[in-house]
Amino acid sequence: FDRTRRLLSLKRRVCKDLKATIVVPSKHLHRTVKQSRMFPRAEVRHVPYGVDTAIFRPQRDQARRCLGVDDTRPVLMIAAQGLDDPRKGMGFALTALSKIDVPGLLVLVAGGGEESVLADPLHRHEVRWLGFVDTPADLARAFAASDLLLFTSLAENFPCVVMESMS
């Protein structure tokens, strides 16, 4: 039995007088929540995600030494929570990388998911698999050692990876 309508009605009755503050990280979500009839009395605030610039900061020489990367070598980084998630656009990354002809290019790949989604097509470049990077300091080090981030995600609420990389 489909109880969707009944459950939605119940939720609206329970939430109609709820005086809450809902905090959202993007303008899109702010508009969505404001238009929703679920929380008619709620205050909605937009507070963007931030980047800890004490951790995510330029430290190229130190980062490259730590990762054992030559100072003159070009480094490109790919980072995604799930490398095998189609929404992350790895197909676009592979297409781009197949057309890049930069001598000595090192590709750093950070993320979870199945590595094999990228393994074969990257054979023309040296690849260093970092796996899932679970500490901000390690992720910041990889970003700092890189010259370029290749970001191919098809949809993001707020791409922290881009902001952290730029920082």
Foldseek 3Di string as FASTA:
>chain_A
DDCPVVVLVVQQVVQAPDEEEAEDAAPVVQVVVCPDSNHVNYHYHHDHDDDDCVQLDADQVVLCVVVVHDPPAAEEEEEDAACPDVQQVVVVVLVVLLPDDDPRYEYEYEYEHDPVVRPPSNVVYHYDYPYHDDDSNNLSSNLNNHPYYDGRGNDDRDPVSVVSSVD
